[in-house]
Amino acid sequence: MSRWFATITDVRLRSTDMTEFWQALGDPDIRFLRYTLIIGLMASLAFGVVGSYVVVHRITAIAGAIAHCVLAGIGAALYSQRALGWEWFHPMFGALAAALVAAYLLGLVSLHAKEREDTAIGALWAIGMAIGLLFLARTPGYVDPMSYLFGNILIIGDREIWIVAALDVLVLGVVFANYRRFQALCFDPEFARLRGLSVERYYLLLLCLVALTVVLLVHVVGIVLAIALLSIPAAIAGRLVRHLWQMMIVAALLCMVFVVGGLGVSYRWDLPTGPTIALGAGIVYTVVFVIAARRRAGRRGPPTQDVAAGEAGAGSRGA
C-alpha cells in the first residue's frame, strides 16, 4: 500500500512541476530545446492555415502520401553529402524537392489520370518510403532512419531555423494572396470554374503548399507524424468555429499548444518529442469528438452546420 501511495505521489509531483522545462529553455547549453520551440511555433502558423484547407478539401490522404515521400529526398540528400561530397545538399533541400515532386504527381493523377486515386496514393506512398530507405541503407556511415521518420530535436541547428522561417513566410504569403481563390476551390470548385478560376492550377498550387508545410516540422515530429499536426488541430478547430478564417486561427493556436505541451512533457519524462506531440493532439481530438457526439445525441436533431457548410456560399461569392 505504501509503495502504491509513493508512486501516486511521485506522479503528482512530476505533473505539477514543469519549472525544469522552462528553466532549460533559458539554459545556454541546451540550445536545441530553444531551437525546437522556435521552429515549432513558426511552423504552427503554416500548419494551422494549410491544415484547414486540407481538412475542408478532404485531401488528408494525399497530404499523408506527400509526407511519406519526403523520406526519398532526405535519403538522397544524405547519400549525396557523404558518398558524393555534396555538402551543400542539406537534407531539408532534398525533402523539399521530393515533397514538391510528389505533390505535382499526385495532383496530376487526381485531376487527369484514369487510375483510381486511392491506388495511386498508396503506390506513391510506398515507393517514396522504399527509395528513401534504400538511399539510407547505401549511405556511408551510420544513419538512423528513426530520426527522420519520427523526429529528432538533437539534429536541429541554426540553419534549420532559417530554412523553416523562409518556408513559413513563403507559404503564408501565397495563402493570404490567394485566400479567396483557395476558399472557392475548397467549397465550390464547379462554381469557381464557371467564374473563370483555373481550378486545376490552384489545386496543384495547394498541394505544393501542403508539401512545403510538411517539410517545416520534419525534424520535430518526423515525416510519419507530420500529418497529425496538419490535420488534427484543423479538425478540432472545424468543430469549434463557423468560418474558415476563424478555423485557421484556432488551428494555429492549437498547434502551438500541442507543440509546447508535447515538448514540455517529453523533456520532463524523457520521451520522444514527435510521438508525444501527436498523442497529445490525438487525445484532445478524441475528447472534442466525444463531447460533440453527445451534444448532437442530446439534441436529437440534425447535425450542426460545420465550417464547410457555413463557408460554401462565401467561397462561391469570393471566386
Protein backbone atom coordinates (compact mmCIF):
# COMPACT_ATOMS: atom_id res chain seq x y z
CA MET A 1 0.00 0.00 0.00
CA SER A 2 2.83 2.37 0.90
CA ARG A 3 4.57 1.68 -2.43
CA TRP A 4 1.36 2.45 -4.33
CA PHE A 5 0.93 5.71 -2.40
CA ALA A 6 4.54 6.68 -3.08
CA THR A 7 4.08 6.06 -6.80
CA ILE A 8 0.93 8.18 -6.96
CA THR A 9 2.64 10.96 -5.03
CA ASP A 10 5.62 10.92 -7.39
CA VAL A 11 3.35 11.16 -10.44
CA ARG A 12 1.52 14.13 -8.93
CA LEU A 13 4.77 15.92 -8.18
CA ARG A 14 6.02 15.34 -11.70
CA SER A 15 2.77 16.52 -13.26
CA THR A 16 2.74 19.77 -11.31
CA ASP A 17 6.46 20.57 -11.56
CA MET A 18 7.23 21.78 -15.10
CA THR A 19 9.60 24.51 -13.94
CA GLU A 20 12.54 22.38 -15.02
CA PHE A 21 11.42 22.63 -18.64
CA TRP A 22 11.04 26.41 -18.55
CA GLN A 23 14.44 26.76 -16.87
CA ALA A 24 16.01 24.54 -19.52
CA LEU A 25 14.74 26.88 -22.24
CA GLY A 26 16.99 29.59 -20.79
CA ASP A 27 20.00 27.33 -20.37
CA PRO A 28 22.70 28.35 -22.91
CA ASP A 29 23.94 24.74 -23.04
CA ILE A 30 20.56 23.37 -24.23
CA ARG A 31 20.17 25.36 -27.41
CA PHE A 32 18.44 22.54 -29.30
CA LEU A 33 15.43 22.86 -26.96
CA ARG A 34 15.00 26.53 -27.78
CA TYR A 35 15.53 25.84 -31.46
CA THR A 36 12.84 23.18 -31.38
CA LEU A 37 10.39 25.52 -29.67
CA ILE A 38 11.09 28.33 -32.15
CA ILE A 39 10.67 26.04 -35.16
CA GLY A 40 7.51 24.51 -33.68
CA LEU A 41 5.88 27.89 -33.06
CA MET A 42 6.80 29.23 -36.50
CA ALA A 43 5.64 26.11 -38.29
CA SER A 44 2.36 26.09 -36.34
CA LEU A 45 1.21 29.13 -38.28
CA ALA A 46 1.55 27.37 -41.61
CA PHE A 47 0.18 24.10 -40.24
CA GLY A 48 -2.93 25.82 -38.95
CA VAL A 49 -3.59 27.70 -42.19
CA VAL A 50 -2.76 24.99 -44.72
CA GLY A 51 -4.17 22.26 -42.49
CA SER A 52 -7.55 23.99 -42.59
CA TYR A 53 -7.58 23.72 -46.37
CA VAL A 54 -6.50 20.07 -46.16
CA VAL A 55 -9.33 19.16 -43.78
CA VAL A 56 -12.04 21.14 -45.56
CA HIS A 57 -10.99 19.91 -49.02
CA ARG A 58 -10.67 16.34 -47.65
CA ILE A 59 -7.20 15.67 -49.04
CA THR A 60 -5.66 14.29 -45.85
CA ALA A 61 -4.71 11.03 -47.59
CA ILE A 62 -2.88 12.94 -50.32
CA ALA A 63 -1.09 15.01 -47.69
CA GLY A 64 -0.06 11.79 -45.95
CA ALA A 65 1.41 10.39 -49.16
CA ILE A 66 3.34 13.61 -49.75
CA ALA A 67 4.72 13.46 -46.21
CA HIS A 68 5.98 9.89 -46.63
CA CYS A 69 7.61 10.65 -49.97
CA VAL A 70 9.79 13.19 -48.15
CA LEU A 71 11.99 10.31 -46.96
CA ALA A 72 13.15 9.75 -50.54
CA GLY A 73 14.51 13.28 -50.71
CA ILE A 74 16.12 13.07 -47.28
CA GLY A 75 17.80 9.79 -48.17
CA ALA A 76 19.07 11.14 -51.48
CA ALA A 77 20.46 14.26 -49.79
CA LEU A 78 22.30 12.32 -47.08
CA TYR A 79 23.73 9.93 -49.67
CA SER A 80 24.87 12.86 -51.83
CA GLN A 81 26.55 14.53 -48.86
CA ARG A 82 28.51 11.51 -47.70
CA ALA A 83 29.09 9.50 -50.87
CA LEU A 84 29.39 12.27 -53.45
CA GLY A 85 30.73 15.08 -51.28
CA TRP A 86 27.83 17.46 -51.93
CA GLU A 87 27.99 19.19 -48.54
CA TRP A 88 25.65 21.94 -49.73
CA PHE A 89 22.80 19.46 -50.32
CA HIS A 90 21.07 19.77 -46.96
CA PRO A 91 18.50 17.04 -46.09
CA MET A 92 15.78 19.68 -45.93
CA PHE A 93 16.53 20.65 -49.53
CA GLY A 94 16.11 17.04 -50.54
CA ALA A 95 12.91 16.80 -48.52
CA LEU A 96 11.57 19.91 -50.20
CA ALA A 97 12.34 18.63 -53.70
CA ALA A 98 10.78 15.21 -53.04
CA ALA A 99 7.67 16.75 -51.48
CA LEU A 100 7.09 19.08 -54.43
CA VAL A 101 7.58 16.29 -56.97
CA ALA A 102 5.17 14.04 -55.04
CA ALA A 103 2.61 16.85 -54.79
CA TYR A 104 2.78 17.51 -58.53
CA LEU A 105 2.45 13.81 -59.45
CA LEU A 106 -0.45 13.24 -57.07
CA GLY A 107 -2.14 16.36 -58.37
CA LEU A 108 -1.87 15.18 -61.96
CA VAL A 109 -3.21 11.74 -61.02
CA SER A 110 -6.11 13.26 -59.12
CA LEU A 111 -7.04 15.61 -61.95
CA HIS A 112 -6.34 13.70 -65.15
CA ALA A 113 -5.36 10.05 -64.72
CA LYS A 114 -7.87 7.26 -65.14
CA GLU A 115 -6.16 5.25 -62.40
CA ARG A 116 -8.06 5.13 -59.12
CA GLU A 117 -6.84 7.92 -56.89
CA ASP A 118 -6.50 5.76 -53.76
CA THR A 119 -4.37 3.26 -55.69
CA ALA A 120 -2.00 5.97 -56.89
CA ILE A 121 -1.77 7.42 -53.38
CA GLY A 122 -0.88 4.04 -51.90
CA ALA A 123 1.67 3.30 -54.62
CA LEU A 124 3.47 6.64 -54.36
CA TRP A 125 3.34 6.40 -50.55
CA ALA A 126 5.19 3.06 -50.63
CA ILE A 127 7.58 4.00 -53.44
CA GLY A 128 8.71 7.16 -51.66
CA MET A 129 9.43 5.30 -48.43
CA ALA A 130 11.23 2.50 -50.28
CA ILE A 131 13.50 4.88 -52.22
CA GLY A 132 14.37 6.75 -49.05
CA LEU A 133 15.23 3.62 -47.09
CA LEU A 134 17.39 2.29 -49.95
CA PHE A 135 19.36 5.55 -50.09
CA LEU A 136 19.84 5.48 -46.32
CA ALA A 137 21.00 1.88 -46.48
CA ARG A 138 23.69 2.77 -49.05
CA THR A 139 24.81 5.97 -47.30
CA PRO A 140 28.32 5.61 -45.82
CA GLY A 141 28.50 5.75 -42.02
CA TYR A 142 25.69 5.41 -39.53
CA VAL A 143 22.29 6.90 -40.32
CA ASP A 144 19.33 6.47 -38.00
CA PRO A 145 16.11 6.35 -40.06
CA MET A 146 14.05 6.85 -36.89
CA SER A 147 15.38 10.40 -36.59
CA TYR A 148 13.61 11.31 -39.81
CA LEU A 149 10.59 9.04 -39.51
CA PHE A 150 9.61 10.24 -36.02
CA GLY A 151 11.75 13.34 -35.49
CA ASN A 152 14.92 14.10 -33.57
CA ILE A 153 15.30 17.51 -31.96
CA LEU A 154 19.01 16.92 -31.37
CA ILE A 155 19.82 17.49 -35.05
CA ILE A 156 18.18 20.94 -35.18
CA GLY A 157 20.54 23.89 -35.59
CA ASP A 158 20.71 27.50 -36.78
CA ARG A 159 20.45 26.55 -40.43
CA GLU A 160 17.19 24.67 -39.90
CA ILE A 161 15.65 27.72 -38.22
CA TRP A 162 16.39 29.96 -41.19
CA ILE A 163 15.10 27.40 -43.68
CA VAL A 164 11.87 26.95 -41.72
CA ALA A 165 11.43 30.73 -41.37
CA ALA A 166 11.83 31.22 -45.13
CA LEU A 167 9.39 28.42 -45.97
CA ASP A 168 6.91 29.73 -43.40
CA VAL A 169 6.91 33.21 -44.92
CA LEU A 170 6.56 31.76 -48.43
CA VAL A 171 3.62 29.51 -47.51
CA LEU A 172 1.73 32.19 -45.57
CA GLY A 173 2.37 34.81 -48.26
CA VAL A 174 0.98 32.60 -51.03
CA VAL A 175 -2.06 31.65 -48.94
CA PHE A 176 -3.00 35.18 -47.99
CA ALA A 177 -2.51 36.41 -51.55
CA ASN A 178 -4.89 33.74 -52.84
CA TYR A 179 -7.24 33.30 -49.87
CA ARG A 180 -10.49 33.78 -51.81
CA ARG A 181 -9.37 31.54 -54.67
CA PHE A 182 -8.42 28.70 -52.35
CA GLN A 183 -11.69 29.19 -50.48
CA ALA A 184 -13.66 28.82 -53.69
CA LEU A 185 -11.58 25.80 -54.70
CA CYS A 186 -12.31 24.01 -51.42
CA PHE A 187 -16.01 24.77 -51.09
CA ASP A 188 -17.44 25.06 -54.60
CA PRO A 189 -14.93 24.19 -57.36
CA GLU A 190 -17.57 23.87 -60.08
CA PHE A 191 -18.93 27.36 -59.50
CA ALA A 192 -15.36 28.68 -59.29
CA ARG A 193 -14.62 27.12 -62.69
CA LEU A 194 -17.71 28.79 -64.15
CA ARG A 195 -16.45 32.12 -62.81
CA GLY A 196 -13.19 31.64 -64.72
CA LEU A 197 -10.94 30.35 -61.96
CA SER A 198 -8.28 27.87 -63.10
CA VAL A 199 -9.25 25.16 -60.62
CA GLU A 200 -6.58 22.71 -61.77
CA ARG A 201 -3.79 25.26 -61.39
CA TYR A 202 -4.82 26.32 -57.91
CA TYR A 203 -5.35 22.72 -56.84
CA LEU A 204 -1.75 21.94 -57.80
CA LEU A 205 -0.61 25.09 -56.02
CA LEU A 206 -2.48 23.99 -52.89
CA LEU A 207 -0.77 20.60 -52.96
CA CYS A 208 2.60 22.34 -53.33
CA LEU A 209 1.78 24.41 -50.24
CA VAL A 210 0.97 21.18 -48.41
CA ALA A 211 4.37 19.84 -49.47
CA LEU A 212 6.17 22.93 -48.18
CA THR A 213 4.27 22.80 -44.91
CA VAL A 214 5.11 19.15 -44.26
CA VAL A 215 8.83 19.90 -44.57
CA LEU A 216 8.60 22.55 -41.83
CA LEU A 217 8.34 20.06 -38.97
CA VAL A 218 10.29 17.09 -40.33
CA HIS A 219 12.96 17.38 -37.63
CA VAL A 220 10.47 17.94 -34.79
CA VAL A 221 7.76 15.30 -35.31
CA GLY A 222 9.15 13.36 -38.29
CA ILE A 223 7.58 12.60 -41.65
CA VAL A 224 5.28 9.90 -40.28
CA LEU A 225 3.67 12.10 -37.62
CA ALA A 226 3.68 15.42 -39.50
CA ILE A 227 0.27 14.57 -40.90
CA ALA A 228 -1.08 14.57 -37.33
CA LEU A 229 -0.32 18.26 -36.84
CA LEU A 230 -1.53 19.04 -40.34
CA SER A 231 -4.97 17.53 -39.80
CA ILE A 232 -5.85 17.18 -36.10
CA PRO A 233 -5.68 20.86 -34.99
CA ALA A 234 -7.70 21.90 -38.05
CA ALA A 235 -10.23 19.13 -37.45
CA ILE A 236 -10.70 20.28 -33.86
CA ALA A 237 -11.00 23.90 -34.92
CA GLY A 238 -13.62 22.97 -37.50
CA ARG A 239 -15.88 21.75 -34.69
CA LEU A 240 -15.48 24.95 -32.68
CA VAL A 241 -15.97 27.74 -35.24
CA ARG A 242 -18.12 28.51 -38.29
CA HIS A 243 -15.82 30.42 -40.67
CA LEU A 244 -12.64 29.42 -42.47
CA TRP A 245 -10.51 32.31 -41.23
CA GLN A 246 -11.54 31.53 -37.67
CA MET A 247 -10.69 27.89 -38.26
CA MET A 248 -7.20 28.86 -39.39
CA ILE A 249 -6.55 31.00 -36.32
CA VAL A 250 -7.82 28.41 -33.86
CA ALA A 251 -5.94 25.60 -35.62
CA ALA A 252 -2.67 27.56 -35.49
CA LEU A 253 -3.14 28.29 -31.79
CA LEU A 254 -3.98 24.66 -31.06
CA CYS A 255 -0.91 23.53 -32.98
CA MET A 256 1.24 25.85 -30.85
CA VAL A 257 -0.30 24.45 -27.68
CA PHE A 258 0.34 20.87 -28.81
CA VAL A 259 3.95 21.66 -29.71
CA VAL A 260 4.74 23.46 -26.46
CA GLY A 261 2.86 20.94 -24.31
CA GLY A 262 4.35 17.94 -26.09
CA LEU A 263 7.84 19.38 -25.92
CA GLY A 264 7.49 20.07 -22.19
CA VAL A 265 6.09 16.64 -21.38
CA SER A 266 8.70 14.85 -23.50
CA TYR A 267 11.52 16.78 -21.81
CA ARG A 268 10.13 16.24 -18.32
CA TRP A 269 9.60 12.49 -18.70
CA ASP A 270 12.39 11.80 -21.24
CA LEU A 271 10.02 10.75 -24.05
CA PRO A 272 10.31 11.07 -27.85
CA THR A 273 9.10 14.52 -28.80
CA GLY A 274 7.25 13.70 -32.03
CA PRO A 275 5.06 10.88 -30.70
CA THR A 276 4.33 12.87 -27.54
CA ILE A 277 3.08 15.86 -29.53
CA ALA A 278 0.99 13.66 -31.83
CA LEU A 279 -0.51 11.69 -28.94
CA GLY A 280 -1.48 14.86 -27.10
CA ALA A 281 -3.22 16.19 -30.20
CA GLY A 282 -4.98 12.87 -30.70
CA ILE A 283 -6.27 12.79 -27.12
CA VAL A 284 -7.69 16.30 -27.39
CA TYR A 285 -9.34 15.45 -30.71
CA THR A 286 -10.94 12.34 -29.21
CA VAL A 287 -12.32 14.32 -26.27
CA VAL A 288 -13.74 17.03 -28.56
CA PHE A 289 -15.25 14.40 -30.86
CA VAL A 290 -16.96 12.56 -27.98
CA ILE A 291 -18.34 15.78 -26.48
CA ALA A 292 -19.70 16.91 -29.87
CA ALA A 293 -21.29 13.49 -30.48
CA ARG A 294 -23.01 13.54 -27.09
CA ARG A 295 -24.35 17.02 -27.68
CA ARG A 296 -25.81 16.00 -31.04
CA ALA A 297 -27.36 12.93 -29.47
CA GLY A 298 -28.86 15.02 -26.68
CA ARG A 299 -30.48 17.46 -29.08
CA ARG A 300 -31.86 14.63 -31.25
CA GLY A 301 -31.82 16.92 -34.23
CA PRO A 302 -29.81 17.31 -37.43
CA PRO A 303 -26.04 17.73 -37.07
CA THR A 304 -24.75 21.23 -36.58
CA GLN A 305 -23.51 23.18 -39.56
CA ASP A 306 -19.76 22.75 -39.97
CA VAL A 307 -17.21 25.09 -41.47
CA ALA A 308 -17.60 23.63 -44.95
CA ALA A 309 -21.34 24.21 -44.99
CA GLY A 310 -21.07 27.62 -43.38
CA GLU A 311 -18.50 28.89 -45.85
CA ALA A 312 -19.74 27.30 -49.07
CA GLY A 313 -21.71 30.32 -50.12
CA ALA A 314 -18.97 32.74 -49.16
CA GLY A 315 -16.41 30.72 -51.08
CA SER A 316 -18.52 30.77 -54.21
CA ARG A 317 -19.08 34.51 -53.98
CA GLY A 318 -15.36 35.10 -53.43
CA ALA A 319 -14.33 33.31 -56.58
